[in-house]
Amino acid sequence: MAVAVTKLILLGLAAAVAWKLYQWWRAPRDAPVRCVALSLLTAVLSYPLAMPGGTSGVDTVAGHGTAKLLQNVLLLLTVYFLMCFYLYSADGPSARRRARREAVVVALVTVAITVAAVSAPREVFAGSFSTADMTIAQIAFFYAGAGLYLMYALGVAGRWTRQYARMSRRPHATGLWMAATGLTAMAVACAVRAVIVTVRWSGRSVPQPLMATVALGLVVSILLFVAGVTYSGARARTTAVRLWLRRRRDHRRLVPLWQLLSEAYPENVLPPGSTALWDRWRAHGVHRRYHRRIVECRDGLVDISPYLVEESEDTDVLDLPPAVLAERLRQAVGKIGSDALAPRPAVPLAMPAQDDREADVRQLIAVSDALRLPA
């Protein structure tokens, strides 16, 4: 169970880091994006150090306790960069000065816990939070110092996140509320851990189920925070993928109508924007071909409309259902180029009742689907 949860956390963090690093690459001067990317990156780097394999590997190379110290320093940097995100997002004149002051604070805490870790006997600086000997002053100070700073930074970040969530609209507000809840829960968990350190430092014991519950709450709150940070971006990407898939499908469904009209009026076929193979899969290329096919179909329908009804017929081509219109289109193709003049002026065909692009495309697809059926 613990291994599965750890893998889930790493997977979520890795996806979030990849997305934020991409955004940072697109906007290298954007300080808030840079801070979020660095916050998530340091969080990801801290997790392997907490695993048994990563801990033993680092400790073997750099000395016992190094992995634990590096992990906690990375966590301090994680919450520091998170605070900087809000400072730079406020875009106030004092944001840079406040970020520098916070950098001094995190540097002092880092130096303090490093001194505590180095001065502690190596044989006692072992195990996890639940098994460490808190009666040793350096060990208790190490965990309490890091935990109190994490509580402070996470609490401040959670308060700012709630403020932004109140001012935002969905879907951004949903993600912000999730992140705020996760941050607040992490701050509460750090506060409880600080109390546990104090109790154990005094020589008293803490029930193991309580420490396990706090650890589980911390894991859940981290997952909730990561989900909140990535929610709006993931939702936007999901919407974009759904639109990409739908337009590829509609582009293929328009093939029968487009082929019929492009063979009759090849001059209506617009030149392709790109002949590169990957352009068929890129979002920009898919959307461009989709809109181009709609324009080509519409132009072809206007050109062929005079040939759909004989002069003696009392039929309004604007009211023809898709199946009847498809059959008349097949018949009209044979009349194009004849010496007889077109009996009627050109008119738009297959027009939707609603005046919007989606309804227009649905009408064209209905005619194209009818053309797929045998005559």
Protein backbone atom coordinates (compact mmCIF):
# COMPACT_ATOMS: atom_id res chain seq x y z
CA MET A 1 0.00 0.00 0.00
CA ALA A 2 2.75 2.44 0.99
CA VAL A 3 4.74 1.64 -2.15
CA ALA A 4 1.69 2.18 -4.36
CA VAL A 5 0.94 5.53 -2.72
CA THR A 6 4.58 6.61 -3.10
CA LYS A 7 4.55 5.72 -6.79
CA LEU A 8 1.30 7.63 -7.21
CA ILE A 9 2.81 10.70 -5.57
CA LEU A 10 5.92 10.49 -7.75
CA LEU A 11 3.83 10.07 -10.89
CA GLY A 12 1.67 13.07 -10.04
CA LEU A 13 4.67 15.21 -9.15
CA ALA A 14 6.55 14.16 -12.30
CA ALA A 15 3.59 15.14 -14.49
CA ALA A 16 3.25 18.46 -12.69
CA VAL A 17 6.97 19.18 -12.99
CA ALA A 18 7.01 18.37 -16.70
CA TRP A 19 4.08 20.71 -17.33
CA LYS A 20 5.51 23.59 -15.28
CA LEU A 21 9.00 23.22 -16.76
CA TYR A 22 7.42 23.43 -20.20
CA GLN A 23 5.59 26.61 -19.17
CA TRP A 24 8.84 28.02 -17.75
CA TRP A 25 10.60 27.22 -21.03
CA ARG A 26 7.86 29.06 -22.91
CA ALA A 27 8.07 32.09 -20.58
CA PRO A 28 11.57 32.20 -19.02
CA ARG A 29 11.03 35.70 -17.57
CA ASP A 30 7.80 34.78 -15.79
CA ALA A 31 8.80 34.77 -12.11
CA PRO A 32 5.62 33.09 -10.75
CA VAL A 33 5.89 30.23 -13.24
CA ARG A 34 9.58 29.85 -12.44
CA CYS A 35 8.85 29.64 -8.71
CA VAL A 36 6.16 26.99 -9.16
CA ALA A 37 8.46 24.95 -11.43
CA LEU A 38 11.32 25.12 -8.91
CA SER A 39 8.96 24.30 -6.04
CA LEU A 40 7.70 21.16 -7.75
CA LEU A 41 11.19 20.22 -8.95
CA THR A 42 12.69 20.35 -5.46
CA ALA A 43 9.72 18.35 -4.17
CA VAL A 44 10.34 15.63 -6.77
CA LEU A 45 14.07 15.56 -5.99
CA SER A 46 13.34 15.11 -2.28
CA TYR A 47 11.23 11.98 -2.70
CA PRO A 48 13.94 9.57 -3.93
CA LEU A 49 16.03 10.59 -0.92
CA ALA A 50 13.24 9.42 1.38
CA MET A 51 13.15 5.95 -0.18
CA PRO A 52 15.29 3.16 1.29
CA GLY A 53 17.30 2.69 -1.88
CA GLY A 54 17.97 6.40 -2.33
CA THR A 55 18.84 6.89 1.33
CA SER A 56 21.33 4.04 1.45
CA GLY A 57 22.91 5.06 -1.86
CA VAL A 58 23.50 8.68 -0.86
CA ASP A 59 24.61 7.76 2.65
CA THR A 60 27.12 5.26 1.26
CA VAL A 61 28.71 7.91 -0.97
CA ALA A 62 28.40 11.06 1.17
CA GLY A 63 28.18 9.73 4.71
CA HIS A 64 25.49 8.59 7.09
CA GLY A 65 22.56 10.99 7.49
CA THR A 66 23.32 12.99 4.34
CA ALA A 67 20.22 11.77 2.51
CA LYS A 68 17.94 12.79 5.38
CA LEU A 69 19.55 16.22 5.60
CA LEU A 70 19.34 16.80 1.84
CA GLN A 71 15.72 15.68 1.79
CA ASN A 72 14.74 18.17 4.47
CA VAL A 73 16.70 20.99 2.84
CA LEU A 74 14.92 20.30 -0.46
CA LEU A 75 11.57 20.37 1.33
CA LEU A 76 12.47 23.75 2.85
CA LEU A 77 13.30 25.04 -0.63
CA THR A 78 10.03 23.60 -1.93
CA VAL A 79 7.91 25.66 0.42
CA TYR A 80 10.17 28.71 0.02
CA PHE A 81 9.70 28.75 -3.75
CA LEU A 82 6.00 28.24 -3.19
CA MET A 83 5.91 31.37 -1.03
CA CYS A 84 7.86 33.25 -3.70
CA PHE A 85 5.21 32.30 -6.25
CA TYR A 86 2.60 34.21 -4.28
CA LEU A 87 4.95 37.10 -3.61
CA TYR A 88 5.69 37.57 -7.31
CA SER A 89 2.08 36.94 -8.29
CA ALA A 90 1.04 39.91 -6.17
CA ASP A 91 3.40 41.97 -8.35
CA GLY A 92 3.84 44.56 -5.64
CA PRO A 93 6.91 46.78 -5.33
CA SER A 94 7.93 44.98 -2.14
CA ALA A 95 7.67 41.47 -3.61
CA ARG A 96 11.37 41.17 -4.41
CA ARG A 97 12.41 42.56 -1.00
CA ARG A 98 10.04 40.17 0.80
CA ALA A 99 11.39 37.24 -1.22
CA ARG A 100 14.92 38.17 -0.17
CA ARG A 101 13.92 38.36 3.48
CA GLU A 102 12.27 34.96 3.23
CA ALA A 103 15.45 33.64 1.57
CA VAL A 104 17.43 34.78 4.60
CA VAL A 105 14.99 32.97 6.90
CA VAL A 106 15.14 29.70 5.00
CA ALA A 107 18.94 29.99 4.81
CA LEU A 108 19.17 30.41 8.60
CA VAL A 109 16.87 27.43 9.18
CA THR A 110 18.93 25.36 6.73
CA VAL A 111 22.17 26.25 8.49
CA ALA A 112 20.62 25.51 11.89
CA ILE A 113 19.33 22.04 11.03
CA THR A 114 22.58 21.27 9.19
CA VAL A 115 24.60 22.11 12.31
CA ALA A 116 22.24 19.96 14.38
CA ALA A 117 22.56 17.05 11.97
CA VAL A 118 26.34 17.28 11.76
CA SER A 119 26.79 17.60 15.51
CA ALA A 120 24.54 14.64 16.32
CA PRO A 121 26.20 11.26 16.81
CA ARG A 122 25.99 9.37 13.54
CA GLU A 123 24.73 6.20 15.15
CA VAL A 124 21.64 7.98 16.49
CA PHE A 125 20.93 10.01 13.38
CA ALA A 126 19.24 7.02 11.82
CA GLY A 127 15.80 5.75 11.11
CA SER A 128 12.68 7.70 10.32
CA PHE A 129 10.69 10.33 12.18
CA SER A 130 8.77 7.65 14.05
CA THR A 131 11.88 5.75 15.19
CA ALA A 132 14.41 8.56 15.80
CA ASP A 133 15.57 9.16 19.38
CA MET A 134 14.02 12.55 20.12
CA THR A 135 15.51 12.69 23.61
CA ILE A 136 18.78 13.75 21.96
CA ALA A 137 18.67 17.53 21.65
CA GLN A 138 20.20 17.72 18.16
CA ILE A 139 17.73 15.20 16.74
CA ALA A 140 14.75 16.95 18.31
CA PHE A 141 15.98 20.35 17.09
CA PHE A 142 16.55 18.97 13.60
CA TYR A 143 12.98 17.72 13.23
CA ALA A 144 11.38 20.59 15.14
CA GLY A 145 13.27 23.31 13.27
CA ALA A 146 12.45 21.93 9.83
CA GLY A 147 8.86 21.16 10.84
CA LEU A 148 8.14 24.60 12.27
CA TYR A 149 9.44 26.36 9.16
CA LEU A 150 7.37 24.05 6.97
CA MET A 151 4.33 24.81 9.11
CA TYR A 152 4.93 28.56 8.78
CA ALA A 153 5.53 28.57 5.03
CA LEU A 154 2.70 26.15 4.23
CA GLY A 155 0.28 28.07 6.44
CA VAL A 156 1.12 31.38 4.74
CA ALA A 157 0.89 29.81 1.29
CA GLY A 158 -2.45 28.21 2.18
CA ARG A 159 -3.86 31.55 3.35
CA TRP A 160 -2.78 33.27 0.13
CA THR A 161 -4.21 30.42 -1.94
CA ARG A 162 -7.59 30.79 -0.25
CA GLN A 163 -7.56 34.50 -1.03
CA TYR A 164 -6.86 33.84 -4.71
CA ALA A 165 -9.52 31.11 -4.79
CA ARG A 166 -12.17 33.56 -3.55
CA MET A 167 -11.26 35.99 -6.34
CA SER A 168 -11.13 33.37 -9.10
CA ARG A 169 -13.71 31.63 -11.23
CA ARG A 170 -14.02 28.03 -12.22
CA PRO A 171 -12.10 25.98 -13.20
CA HIS A 172 -9.20 27.94 -11.67
CA ALA A 173 -11.07 28.42 -8.39
CA THR A 174 -11.62 24.66 -8.07
CA GLY A 175 -7.92 23.94 -8.42
CA LEU A 176 -7.00 26.73 -6.01
CA TRP A 177 -9.41 25.46 -3.36
CA MET A 178 -7.94 21.97 -3.71
CA ALA A 179 -4.41 23.37 -3.38
CA ALA A 180 -5.42 25.55 -0.41
CA THR A 181 -6.95 22.57 1.37
CA GLY A 182 -3.83 20.50 0.74
CA LEU A 183 -1.52 23.27 1.98
CA THR A 184 -3.58 23.86 5.11
CA ALA A 185 -3.69 20.15 5.86
CA MET A 186 0.09 19.92 5.42
CA ALA A 187 0.59 22.86 7.79
CA VAL A 188 -1.65 21.19 10.38
CA ALA A 189 0.26 17.92 9.98
CA CYS A 190 3.57 19.75 10.50
CA ALA A 191 2.17 21.42 13.62
CA VAL A 192 1.08 18.06 15.01
CA ARG A 193 4.52 16.62 14.25
CA ALA A 194 6.12 19.52 16.14
CA VAL A 195 3.95 18.68 19.15
CA ILE A 196 4.95 15.03 18.82
CA VAL A 197 8.64 16.04 18.78
CA THR A 198 8.15 18.08 21.96
CA VAL A 199 6.37 15.20 23.70
CA ARG A 200 9.02 12.66 22.71
CA TRP A 201 11.86 15.05 23.61
CA SER A 202 10.48 15.21 27.13
CA GLY A 203 10.83 11.45 27.34
CA ARG A 204 7.20 10.49 26.95
CA SER A 205 5.93 8.18 24.22
CA VAL A 206 3.41 8.83 21.46
CA PRO A 207 1.03 6.08 20.24
CA GLN A 208 2.20 4.59 16.97
CA PRO A 209 -1.29 4.74 15.38
CA LEU A 210 -1.32 8.52 15.92
CA MET A 211 1.99 8.98 14.14
CA ALA A 212 0.84 6.70 11.31
CA THR A 213 -2.36 8.72 10.95
CA VAL A 214 -0.40 11.98 10.77
CA ALA A 215 1.93 10.48 8.15
CA LEU A 216 -1.03 9.28 6.06
CA GLY A 217 -2.69 12.69 6.34
CA LEU A 218 0.51 14.31 5.14
CA VAL A 219 0.64 12.03 2.09
CA VAL A 220 -3.02 12.69 1.23
CA SER A 221 -2.58 16.45 1.61
CA ILE A 222 0.44 16.40 -0.71
CA LEU A 223 -1.57 14.53 -3.34
CA LEU A 224 -4.42 17.01 -2.96
CA PHE A 225 -2.06 19.95 -3.36
CA VAL A 226 -0.45 18.49 -6.49
CA ALA A 227 -3.89 17.77 -7.93
CA GLY A 228 -4.96 21.35 -7.25
CA VAL A 229 -1.86 22.85 -8.83
CA THR A 230 -2.32 20.84 -12.01
CA TYR A 231 -6.13 20.86 -12.11
CA SER A 232 -6.78 23.86 -14.36
CA GLY A 233 -3.92 22.99 -16.72
CA ALA A 234 -4.95 19.35 -16.91
CA ARG A 235 -8.56 20.32 -17.52
CA ALA A 236 -7.54 22.74 -20.27
CA ARG A 237 -5.36 20.05 -21.89
CA THR A 238 -8.20 17.53 -21.64
CA THR A 239 -10.60 19.96 -23.31
CA ALA A 240 -8.04 20.67 -26.03
CA VAL A 241 -7.52 16.95 -26.68
CA ARG A 242 -11.27 16.34 -26.86
CA LEU A 243 -11.62 19.19 -29.37
CA TRP A 244 -8.67 17.81 -31.36
CA LEU A 245 -10.23 14.34 -31.50
CA ARG A 246 -13.68 15.68 -32.44
CA ARG A 247 -12.35 17.83 -35.25
CA ARG A 248 -10.27 14.98 -36.65
CA ARG A 249 -13.40 12.82 -36.62
CA ASP A 250 -15.55 15.53 -38.22
CA HIS A 251 -12.84 16.14 -40.84
CA ARG A 252 -13.05 12.47 -41.84
CA ARG A 253 -16.85 12.45 -41.80
CA LEU A 254 -16.90 15.35 -44.29
CA VAL A 255 -14.86 13.36 -46.82
CA PRO A 256 -17.80 12.16 -49.03
CA LEU A 257 -19.26 15.66 -49.39
CA TRP A 258 -15.84 17.23 -49.88
CA GLN A 259 -14.79 14.70 -52.53
CA LEU A 260 -17.99 15.20 -54.50
CA LEU A 261 -17.71 18.98 -54.47
CA SER A 262 -13.94 19.17 -54.97
CA GLU A 263 -14.16 16.97 -58.08
CA ALA A 264 -16.88 19.23 -59.45
CA TYR A 265 -15.11 22.47 -58.49
CA PRO A 266 -11.39 21.79 -58.03
CA GLU A 267 -10.69 25.51 -58.02
CA ASN A 268 -12.37 25.75 -54.62
CA VAL A 269 -9.75 23.53 -52.98
CA LEU A 270 -7.48 25.76 -50.90
CA PRO A 271 -3.71 25.14 -50.88
CA PRO A 272 -2.45 23.20 -47.85
CA GLY A 273 -0.73 25.23 -45.18
CA SER A 274 1.99 22.62 -44.64
CA THR A 275 3.01 19.33 -46.22
CA ALA A 276 5.00 18.08 -43.23
CA LEU A 277 3.97 14.66 -41.96
CA TRP A 278 3.76 15.76 -38.32
CA ASP A 279 1.40 18.60 -39.27
CA ARG A 280 -1.37 16.00 -39.64
CA TRP A 281 -1.18 15.38 -35.91
CA ARG A 282 -0.32 18.80 -34.50
CA ALA A 283 -3.27 20.68 -33.01
CA HIS A 284 -2.69 23.72 -35.22
CA GLY A 285 -2.60 21.61 -38.37
CA VAL A 286 -5.73 19.64 -37.41
CA HIS A 287 -7.73 22.80 -36.70
CA ARG A 288 -6.53 24.47 -39.90
CA ARG A 289 -7.51 21.51 -42.11
CA TYR A 290 -10.84 21.26 -40.31
CA HIS A 291 -11.79 24.89 -40.98
CA ARG A 292 -10.44 24.71 -44.54
CA ARG A 293 -12.62 21.71 -45.34
CA ILE A 294 -15.71 23.50 -44.02
CA VAL A 295 -14.98 26.52 -46.23
CA GLU A 296 -14.38 24.30 -49.27
CA CYS A 297 -17.63 22.42 -48.69
CA ARG A 298 -19.59 25.64 -48.25
CA ASP A 299 -18.12 27.19 -51.41
CA GLY A 300 -18.89 24.03 -53.37
CA LEU A 301 -22.50 23.94 -52.17
CA VAL A 302 -23.05 27.55 -53.23
CA ASP A 303 -21.58 26.84 -56.68
CA ILE A 304 -23.63 23.69 -57.26
CA SER A 305 -26.91 25.02 -55.85
CA PRO A 306 -28.28 26.34 -59.22
CA TYR A 307 -28.19 22.79 -60.63
CA LEU A 308 -30.22 21.14 -57.88
CA VAL A 309 -33.74 22.07 -59.01
CA GLU A 310 -35.22 22.22 -62.49
CA GLU A 311 -36.87 25.45 -63.54
CA SER A 312 -40.27 23.75 -63.72
CA GLU A 313 -40.02 22.42 -60.17
CA ASP A 314 -41.65 24.22 -57.32
CA THR A 315 -39.11 23.17 -54.68
CA ASP A 316 -37.26 25.29 -52.17
CA VAL A 317 -33.70 23.95 -51.99
CA LEU A 318 -33.27 25.58 -48.62
CA ASP A 319 -35.79 23.14 -47.10
CA LEU A 320 -34.42 19.91 -48.55
CA PRO A 321 -33.59 17.29 -45.87
CA PRO A 322 -30.03 15.89 -45.86
CA ALA A 323 -30.94 12.59 -47.58
CA VAL A 324 -32.82 14.32 -50.43
CA LEU A 325 -30.12 16.95 -50.76
CA ALA A 326 -27.45 14.24 -50.99
CA GLU A 327 -29.31 12.51 -53.84
CA ARG A 328 -29.79 15.82 -55.67
CA LEU A 329 -26.09 16.59 -55.28
CA ARG A 330 -25.23 13.32 -57.03
CA GLN A 331 -27.58 14.20 -59.87
CA ALA A 332 -26.37 17.81 -60.09
CA VAL A 333 -22.74 16.77 -60.62
CA GLY A 334 -23.72 15.39 -64.04
CA LYS A 335 -25.28 18.70 -65.07
CA ILE A 336 -22.22 20.81 -64.36
CA GLY A 337 -20.51 21.95 -67.51
CA SER A 338 -23.55 21.40 -69.75
CA ASP A 339 -24.48 24.02 -72.30
CA ALA A 340 -27.71 24.76 -70.49
CA LEU A 341 -27.58 27.80 -68.30
CA ALA A 342 -28.07 27.34 -64.62
CA PRO A 343 -31.82 27.76 -64.11
CA ARG A 344 -31.61 29.40 -60.70
CA PRO A 345 -29.28 31.79 -58.87
CA ALA A 346 -26.78 30.41 -56.38
CA VAL A 347 -28.03 30.05 -52.82
CA PRO A 348 -26.51 28.62 -49.63
CA LEU A 349 -27.52 25.03 -48.88
CA ALA A 350 -27.86 22.92 -45.73
CA MET A 351 -28.08 25.95 -43.51
CA PRO A 352 -28.69 25.28 -39.80
CA ALA A 353 -31.58 26.66 -37.82
CA GLN A 354 -29.14 28.07 -35.23
CA ASP A 355 -26.67 30.71 -36.26
CA ASP A 356 -23.47 29.14 -34.91
CA ARG A 357 -20.50 27.26 -36.33
CA GLU A 358 -21.17 23.96 -34.58
CA ALA A 359 -24.72 23.75 -35.96
CA ASP A 360 -23.36 24.59 -39.41
CA VAL A 361 -20.87 21.73 -39.21
CA ARG A 362 -23.57 19.32 -38.03
CA GLN A 363 -25.65 20.15 -41.11
CA LEU A 364 -22.70 19.51 -43.42
CA ILE A 365 -21.92 16.23 -41.67
CA ALA A 366 -25.55 15.13 -42.00
CA VAL A 367 -25.37 15.63 -45.79
CA SER A 368 -21.96 13.95 -45.96
CA ASP A 369 -23.20 10.95 -43.97
CA ALA A 370 -26.15 10.66 -46.36
CA LEU A 371 -23.72 10.56 -49.28
CA ARG A 372 -22.01 7.53 -47.70
CA LEU A 373 -25.21 5.54 -48.20
CA PRO A 374 -25.69 3.80 -51.55
CA ALA A 375 -27.70 5.76 -54.10
